Amino acid sequence: MVRNKKLKVALTYNVKPEESSFESAQLPLKLKNSSSYNDTYAEWDTIETVNAIKDALEHYHDVIMIEANENAFEKFKAVRPEIVFNVAECENGISREAQIPAMLDMLKIPYTGSDPLTLTTCLDKSRTKEVLTYHSVATSKFIYAESLDDLRDFRLSFPVIIKPISEGSGKGIFNSSLVSNLKDLSERLTENLSNYNQPFIIEEYLPGREFTVAVMGNNSDTEVLPIVEINFNELPGDLLPIYSFEAKWVVDTRDNPLNIFTCPAKVDKVLEEKIKDVVLRTYKVLRCKDWSRIDIRLDAQGEPNIIEVNPLPGILPKPEDNSCFPKAARAKGLNYEEMINKVLLIAAKRYNLL
């Protein structure tokens, strides 16, 4: 990678509140076991991740830290970075991932990653599936449910999986989210609407293999990194073959890692090309920029279907953390520092900063 200019970069982030503040992050870290987290802030980063991104960027650039809170706008306005490396999830509302980019657009400050419209669309699972369906990109049949009334005249085929409309990192998706009859579905929906205070999607369960695919770049320079497969046969017998909160954070930990991923995935050339094609079409129609991670599951006929699009992908730094985007990058030959700086470089080129 060519880096011919040192940039003034602001890193904007959210740290899990159960960890100490960033200012004390320079003290030796004592990380919690992931299973001790509740799922409220599952999307937010650990101090270790934020430090790793900062260290990677500082190898080549001047870095300023700006926490993604209500003071962020004034800080961006005062600091005026040349570009912002955005990994902020924010907290409130279905458009929360768009809040920092919207501030930066108002201030005319460049930033990495997708714009507010794409971030909002991709966080809303129903809107994502509506856009994909319009563009004839395969995704499972679904309904949008904000009350039990939406289960009247229910026509989806069981089993179905129930997911909160606007969460990531496994939040709200548990072993109990896969249901096989209308009675259980009604109970789960009632419970979840109360717990999460947001609508849910209910979609037909896809019984095939599951993959996640990292993408980097823009336009003709967009590239698909080596495909990651999720090995559900590595989960304990009491967990169903879905990538639930339990699978992601409870049973697969740094102290007890599961061999849950294969990268590159063992797929034949035909399936590989089908996956790459549907991923690139998804990346284009949703207007993703710079990077994203796109989740795929095969239907009963073995055809790839989109199950989720993550324009702010998780990037835990340690290999033992089983973070899929860094895992794919390593399989491509990029270490963590190179991966982070390549994303910055891609974004900087998009804004003609280099």
Protein backbone atom coordinates (compact mmCIF):
# COMPACT_ATOMS: atom_id res chain seq x y z
CA MET A 1 0.00 0.00 0.00
CA VAL A 2 1.26 3.44 -0.93
CA ARG A 3 1.02 6.02 1.85
CA ASN A 4 2.42 9.26 0.54
CA LYS A 5 0.90 11.64 3.05
CA LYS A 6 0.52 11.79 6.81
CA LEU A 7 -3.07 12.68 7.65
CA LYS A 8 -4.73 14.25 10.66
CA VAL A 9 -7.13 11.42 11.55
CA ALA A 10 -9.86 11.43 14.18
CA LEU A 11 -10.88 8.01 15.46
CA THR A 12 -14.50 8.05 16.63
CA TYR A 13 -15.78 5.16 18.72
CA ASN A 14 -18.00 3.83 21.52
CA VAL A 15 -16.59 1.73 24.36
CA LYS A 16 -18.66 -0.80 26.26
CA PRO A 17 -19.78 0.98 29.45
CA GLU A 18 -18.93 -2.02 31.62
CA GLU A 19 -15.29 -1.22 30.86
CA SER A 20 -13.42 1.73 32.28
CA SER A 21 -13.30 5.03 30.42
CA PHE A 22 -10.93 5.44 27.52
CA GLU A 23 -8.75 7.80 29.50
CA SER A 24 -7.88 4.95 31.86
CA ALA A 25 -7.43 2.53 28.99
CA GLN A 26 -3.71 3.06 28.98
CA LEU A 27 -3.56 1.09 32.22
CA PRO A 28 -2.97 -2.67 31.92
CA LEU A 29 -6.14 -4.33 30.62
CA LYS A 30 -8.00 -7.02 32.46
CA LEU A 31 -10.65 -8.11 29.98
CA LYS A 32 -13.87 -9.71 31.01
CA ASN A 33 -14.99 -13.04 29.70
CA SER A 34 -17.50 -12.23 26.94
CA SER A 35 -20.15 -14.40 28.54
CA SER A 36 -20.39 -11.90 31.40
CA TYR A 37 -21.76 -9.20 29.08
CA ASN A 38 -25.48 -8.66 28.77
CA ASP A 39 -26.49 -7.82 25.21
CA THR A 40 -27.37 -4.14 25.72
CA TYR A 41 -24.03 -2.87 24.41
CA ALA A 42 -23.03 -5.93 22.38
CA GLU A 43 -22.31 -3.75 19.33
CA TRP A 44 -19.92 -1.39 21.13
CA ASP A 45 -16.19 -1.99 21.10
CA THR A 46 -13.88 -3.01 23.91
CA ILE A 47 -11.10 -0.71 25.02
CA GLU A 48 -8.67 -3.22 23.56
CA THR A 49 -10.22 -2.93 20.10
CA VAL A 50 -10.26 0.88 20.19
CA ASN A 51 -6.61 0.92 21.28
CA ALA A 52 -5.68 -1.52 18.51
CA ILE A 53 -7.29 0.68 15.85
CA LYS A 54 -5.60 3.76 17.32
CA ASP A 55 -2.20 2.05 17.37
CA ALA A 56 -2.60 0.87 13.77
CA LEU A 57 -3.46 4.35 12.53
CA GLU A 58 -0.72 6.05 14.58
CA HIS A 59 1.93 4.04 12.79
CA TYR A 60 1.40 6.31 9.77
CA HIS A 61 -0.82 9.22 10.83
CA ASP A 62 -1.56 11.73 13.59
CA VAL A 63 -4.58 10.45 15.55
CA ILE A 64 -7.09 12.32 17.71
CA MET A 65 -9.65 10.41 19.80
CA ILE A 66 -13.27 11.62 19.71
CA GLU A 67 -15.86 9.61 21.59
CA ALA A 68 -19.20 9.31 19.79
CA ASN A 69 -21.38 11.09 22.32
CA GLU A 70 -23.37 14.33 22.49
CA ASN A 71 -20.14 16.36 22.60
CA ALA A 72 -18.79 14.90 19.37
CA PHE A 73 -20.13 17.56 17.01
CA GLU A 74 -18.36 20.43 18.78
CA LYS A 75 -15.15 18.41 19.01
CA PHE A 76 -15.16 17.63 15.29
CA LYS A 77 -15.90 21.30 14.59
CA ALA A 78 -13.00 22.43 16.76
CA VAL A 79 -10.45 19.82 15.70
CA ARG A 80 -11.27 19.74 11.97
CA PRO A 81 -9.54 16.45 11.14
CA GLU A 82 -8.69 15.74 7.52
CA ILE A 83 -10.56 12.44 7.76
CA VAL A 84 -12.39 10.45 10.44
CA PHE A 85 -12.00 6.70 10.97
CA ASN A 86 -15.52 5.81 12.02
CA VAL A 87 -16.32 2.73 14.11
CA ALA A 88 -19.03 4.43 16.19
CA GLU A 89 -22.29 2.56 16.77
CA CYS A 90 -23.95 5.27 18.94
CA GLU A 91 -26.81 4.50 21.29
CA ASN A 92 -30.23 5.93 20.56
CA GLY A 93 -32.62 5.23 17.72
CA ILE A 94 -32.90 3.09 14.63
CA SER A 95 -30.65 5.55 12.75
CA ARG A 96 -27.96 5.65 15.44
CA GLU A 97 -25.15 4.38 13.20
CA ALA A 98 -25.86 7.30 10.86
CA GLN A 99 -25.53 10.00 13.52
CA ILE A 100 -21.76 10.52 13.36
CA PRO A 101 -21.60 10.44 9.53
CA ALA A 102 -24.50 12.93 9.40
CA MET A 103 -22.55 15.29 11.68
CA LEU A 104 -19.49 14.91 9.49
CA ASP A 105 -21.46 15.50 6.30
CA MET A 106 -22.80 18.74 7.83
CA LEU A 107 -19.25 19.80 8.72
CA LYS A 108 -17.88 18.67 5.33
CA ILE A 109 -15.37 16.36 7.00
CA PRO A 110 -14.46 13.13 5.15
CA TYR A 111 -14.89 9.79 6.91
CA THR A 112 -14.42 6.08 6.33
CA GLY A 113 -17.31 3.82 5.49
CA SER A 114 -20.84 4.24 4.25
CA ASP A 115 -23.02 7.33 4.35
CA PRO A 116 -26.01 7.89 6.67
CA LEU A 117 -28.58 6.49 4.24
CA THR A 118 -26.74 3.21 3.76
CA LEU A 119 -25.99 2.84 7.46
CA THR A 120 -29.63 3.46 8.38
CA THR A 121 -30.93 1.11 5.69
CA CYS A 122 -28.58 -1.72 6.62
CA LEU A 123 -29.31 -1.44 10.34
CA ASP A 124 -33.03 -1.82 9.58
CA LYS A 125 -33.28 -5.49 8.60
CA SER A 126 -36.70 -5.11 6.98
CA ARG A 127 -35.61 -2.16 4.82
CA THR A 128 -32.48 -4.06 3.80
CA LYS A 129 -34.55 -7.04 2.68
CA GLU A 130 -37.03 -4.80 0.86
CA VAL A 131 -34.25 -3.15 -1.16
CA LEU A 132 -32.65 -6.52 -1.92
CA THR A 133 -35.98 -8.01 -2.98
CA TYR A 134 -36.64 -5.05 -5.30
CA HIS A 135 -33.27 -5.70 -6.95
CA SER A 136 -33.91 -9.47 -7.20
CA VAL A 137 -31.15 -10.33 -4.73
CA ALA A 138 -32.05 -13.56 -2.93
CA THR A 139 -33.14 -13.22 0.71
CA SER A 140 -35.55 -15.34 2.74
CA LYS A 141 -39.27 -14.53 2.93
CA PHE A 142 -40.18 -12.40 5.94
CA ILE A 143 -42.75 -10.22 7.66
CA TYR A 144 -42.37 -7.07 9.73
CA ALA A 145 -44.02 -7.35 13.16
CA GLU A 146 -44.65 -4.60 15.68
CA SER A 147 -47.54 -6.33 17.46
CA LEU A 148 -49.32 -9.68 17.64
CA ASP A 149 -51.80 -8.32 15.09
CA ASP A 150 -49.09 -8.78 12.47
CA LEU A 151 -49.29 -12.56 12.96
CA ARG A 152 -52.85 -12.67 11.59
CA ASP A 153 -53.08 -14.53 8.30
CA PHE A 154 -49.52 -15.81 8.90
CA ARG A 155 -48.23 -17.43 5.68
CA LEU A 156 -44.54 -18.07 6.25
CA SER A 157 -43.32 -21.66 6.44
CA PHE A 158 -42.01 -22.91 9.78
CA PRO A 159 -39.43 -22.99 11.22
CA VAL A 160 -38.91 -19.23 11.37
CA ILE A 161 -36.38 -17.05 13.13
CA ILE A 162 -37.29 -13.85 14.96
CA LYS A 163 -34.86 -10.92 15.03
CA PRO A 164 -34.99 -7.35 16.37
CA ILE A 165 -35.29 -4.92 13.50
CA SER A 166 -32.22 -2.80 14.25
CA GLU A 167 -29.55 -4.62 16.23
CA GLY A 168 -26.20 -6.22 15.45
CA SER A 169 -23.56 -8.41 17.08
CA GLY A 170 -26.10 -11.11 17.89
CA LYS A 171 -28.16 -8.81 20.10
CA GLY A 172 -31.68 -10.15 20.55
CA ILE A 173 -31.00 -13.36 18.63
CA PHE A 174 -30.91 -16.32 20.98
CA ASN A 175 -31.31 -20.07 20.79
CA SER A 176 -34.98 -19.48 21.56
CA SER A 177 -35.33 -17.20 18.51
CA LEU A 178 -35.78 -20.18 16.19
CA VAL A 179 -39.40 -21.35 16.54
CA SER A 180 -41.46 -24.06 14.84
CA ASN A 181 -45.10 -23.22 15.53
CA LEU A 182 -47.44 -20.26 15.83
CA LYS A 183 -47.99 -20.62 19.58
CA ASP A 184 -44.28 -20.40 20.37
CA LEU A 185 -43.89 -17.58 17.86
CA SER A 186 -46.62 -15.56 19.57
CA GLU A 187 -44.96 -16.06 22.94
CA ARG A 188 -41.51 -15.13 21.68
CA LEU A 189 -42.80 -12.06 19.86
CA THR A 190 -44.69 -10.82 22.92
CA GLU A 191 -41.64 -11.29 25.13
CA ASN A 192 -39.22 -9.68 22.68
CA LEU A 193 -41.38 -6.67 21.85
CA SER A 194 -41.50 -5.96 25.57
CA ASN A 195 -37.76 -6.51 26.13
CA TYR A 196 -36.39 -4.58 23.15
CA ASN A 197 -38.99 -1.87 22.55
CA GLN A 198 -38.74 -2.12 18.77
CA PRO A 199 -40.33 -4.06 15.90
CA PHE A 200 -39.05 -7.47 14.85
CA ILE A 201 -38.68 -9.29 11.58
CA ILE A 202 -39.81 -12.88 11.29
CA GLU A 203 -38.15 -14.73 8.44
CA GLU A 204 -38.18 -18.24 7.11
CA TYR A 205 -35.26 -20.28 8.37
CA LEU A 206 -32.67 -21.19 5.77
CA PRO A 207 -31.37 -24.70 6.47
CA GLY A 208 -28.07 -24.61 4.56
CA ARG A 209 -24.47 -23.65 5.26
CA GLU A 210 -23.68 -20.16 6.53
CA PHE A 211 -20.90 -17.84 5.38
CA THR A 212 -19.75 -14.31 6.06
CA VAL A 213 -17.90 -12.31 3.44
CA ALA A 214 -15.64 -9.29 3.93
CA VAL A 215 -15.60 -6.68 1.16
CA MET A 216 -13.22 -3.76 0.66
CA GLY A 217 -13.11 -1.02 -1.95
CA ASN A 218 -15.33 1.05 -4.19
CA ASN A 219 -16.63 0.76 -7.74
CA SER A 220 -14.34 -1.26 -10.01
CA ASP A 221 -11.74 -1.60 -7.22
CA THR A 222 -14.12 -3.49 -4.93
CA GLU A 223 -12.73 -6.86 -3.85
CA VAL A 224 -14.13 -9.84 -1.98
CA LEU A 225 -11.79 -11.22 0.68
CA PRO A 226 -11.54 -14.97 1.35
CA ILE A 227 -14.92 -16.36 2.39
CA VAL A 228 -15.47 -17.42 6.01
CA GLU A 229 -17.73 -20.38 6.82
CA ILE A 230 -19.41 -20.81 10.21
CA ASN A 231 -19.10 -24.40 11.47
CA PHE A 232 -22.24 -24.99 13.52
CA ASN A 233 -21.21 -28.58 14.25
CA GLU A 234 -18.64 -27.09 16.66
CA LEU A 235 -21.37 -25.67 18.90
CA PRO A 236 -22.49 -27.54 22.03
CA GLY A 237 -25.34 -29.95 21.40
CA ASP A 238 -27.91 -27.80 23.18
CA LEU A 239 -27.40 -24.89 20.76
CA LEU A 240 -29.25 -24.77 17.46
CA PRO A 241 -27.36 -24.14 14.18
CA ILE A 242 -27.77 -20.36 14.17
CA TYR A 243 -25.15 -17.74 14.98
CA SER A 244 -26.94 -16.61 18.13
CA PHE A 245 -25.81 -14.40 20.99
CA GLU A 246 -24.95 -17.58 22.93
CA ALA A 247 -22.84 -18.89 20.04
CA LYS A 248 -21.12 -15.57 19.44
CA TRP A 249 -20.40 -14.39 22.98
CA VAL A 250 -21.11 -17.10 25.57
CA VAL A 251 -19.68 -20.43 24.41
CA ASP A 252 -16.99 -19.04 22.09
CA THR A 253 -14.61 -17.03 24.28
CA ARG A 254 -10.95 -16.11 24.31
CA ASP A 255 -10.37 -18.53 27.18
CA ASN A 256 -12.31 -21.31 25.46
CA PRO A 257 -12.25 -20.63 21.71
CA LEU A 258 -14.28 -22.84 19.40
CA ASN A 259 -13.07 -23.94 16.00
CA ILE A 260 -16.19 -22.33 14.62
CA PHE A 261 -14.79 -20.67 11.48
CA THR A 262 -13.08 -21.95 8.36
CA CYS A 263 -11.29 -19.38 6.20
CA PRO A 264 -10.95 -19.74 3.32
CA ALA A 265 -14.22 -21.68 3.26
CA LYS A 266 -14.14 -25.09 1.62
CA VAL A 267 -16.48 -24.45 -1.30
CA ASP A 268 -16.39 -25.54 -4.92
CA LYS A 269 -15.77 -22.98 -7.64
CA VAL A 270 -19.42 -22.77 -8.67
CA LEU A 271 -20.63 -21.98 -5.15
CA GLU A 272 -17.74 -19.57 -4.58
CA GLU A 273 -18.69 -17.59 -7.68
CA LYS A 274 -22.37 -17.55 -6.69
CA ILE A 275 -21.48 -16.20 -3.24
CA LYS A 276 -19.15 -13.55 -4.64
CA ASP A 277 -21.76 -12.48 -7.19
CA VAL A 278 -24.58 -12.03 -4.67
CA VAL A 279 -22.23 -10.25 -2.26
CA LEU A 280 -21.01 -7.76 -4.86
CA ARG A 281 -24.55 -7.10 -6.08
CA THR A 282 -25.63 -6.49 -2.49
CA TYR A 283 -22.70 -4.16 -1.84
CA LYS A 284 -23.63 -2.18 -4.96
CA VAL A 285 -27.40 -1.91 -4.55
CA LEU A 286 -27.09 -0.86 -0.90
CA ARG A 287 -24.36 1.65 -1.92
CA CYS A 288 -21.82 0.47 0.62
CA LYS A 289 -18.53 2.35 0.69
CA ASP A 290 -14.97 1.34 1.60
CA TRP A 291 -15.81 -1.84 3.53
CA SER A 292 -18.58 -4.10 4.77
CA ARG A 293 -19.18 -7.64 5.94
CA ILE A 294 -22.10 -9.48 4.34
CA ASP A 295 -23.69 -12.59 5.83
CA ILE A 296 -24.93 -15.41 3.58
CA ARG A 297 -26.93 -18.58 4.21
CA LEU A 298 -27.83 -21.28 1.71
CA ASP A 299 -31.46 -22.20 1.19
CA ALA A 300 -32.82 -25.73 0.78
CA GLN A 301 -31.70 -25.73 -2.86
CA GLY A 302 -28.16 -24.65 -1.94
CA GLU A 303 -28.57 -21.13 -3.31
CA PRO A 304 -26.92 -18.21 -1.43
CA ASN A 305 -29.32 -15.83 0.33
CA ILE A 306 -28.41 -12.57 2.06
CA ILE A 307 -29.25 -12.59 5.78
CA GLU A 308 -27.52 -9.41 6.95
CA VAL A 309 -25.32 -6.54 5.79
CA ASN A 310 -22.81 -4.97 8.19
CA PRO A 311 -21.32 -1.70 6.86
CA LEU A 312 -19.63 -1.20 10.26
CA PRO A 313 -18.06 -4.65 10.64
CA GLY A 314 -16.70 -5.95 13.92
CA ILE A 315 -12.89 -5.90 14.03
CA LEU A 316 -11.60 -7.51 17.23
CA PRO A 317 -7.80 -7.44 16.98
CA LYS A 318 -6.67 -10.80 18.39
CA PRO A 319 -6.88 -13.94 16.19
CA GLU A 320 -8.22 -15.94 19.14
CA ASP A 321 -11.23 -13.62 19.30
CA ASN A 322 -12.69 -15.19 16.13
CA SER A 323 -13.55 -11.85 14.51
CA CYS A 324 -14.52 -12.52 10.92
CA PHE A 325 -13.37 -9.41 9.04
CA PRO A 326 -9.82 -9.53 10.44
CA LYS A 327 -9.81 -13.29 9.88
CA ALA A 328 -10.61 -12.80 6.19
CA ALA A 329 -8.02 -10.03 5.94
CA ARG A 330 -5.34 -12.29 7.43
CA ALA A 331 -6.25 -14.99 4.93
CA LYS A 332 -5.73 -12.35 2.23
CA GLY A 333 -2.28 -11.59 3.65
CA LEU A 334 -3.13 -8.41 5.58
CA ASN A 335 -2.28 -8.12 9.25
CA TYR A 336 -4.48 -5.98 11.52
CA GLU A 337 -2.48 -2.80 11.07
CA GLU A 338 -2.44 -3.21 7.31
CA MET A 339 -6.19 -3.90 7.23
CA ILE A 340 -7.05 -0.75 9.20
CA ASN A 341 -4.78 1.46 7.12
CA LYS A 342 -6.06 -0.02 3.87
CA VAL A 343 -9.61 0.99 4.84
CA LEU A 344 -8.36 4.51 5.60
CA LEU A 345 -6.47 4.61 2.30
CA ILE A 346 -9.55 3.48 0.34
CA ALA A 347 -11.64 6.21 1.95
CA ALA A 348 -8.94 8.87 1.51
CA LYS A 349 -8.73 8.06 -2.22
CA ARG A 350 -12.52 8.35 -2.50
CA TYR A 351 -12.23 11.92 -1.15
CA ASN A 352 -9.14 12.66 -3.28
CA LEU A 353 -7.04 13.26 -0.15
CA LEU A 354 -4.07 11.29 -1.52
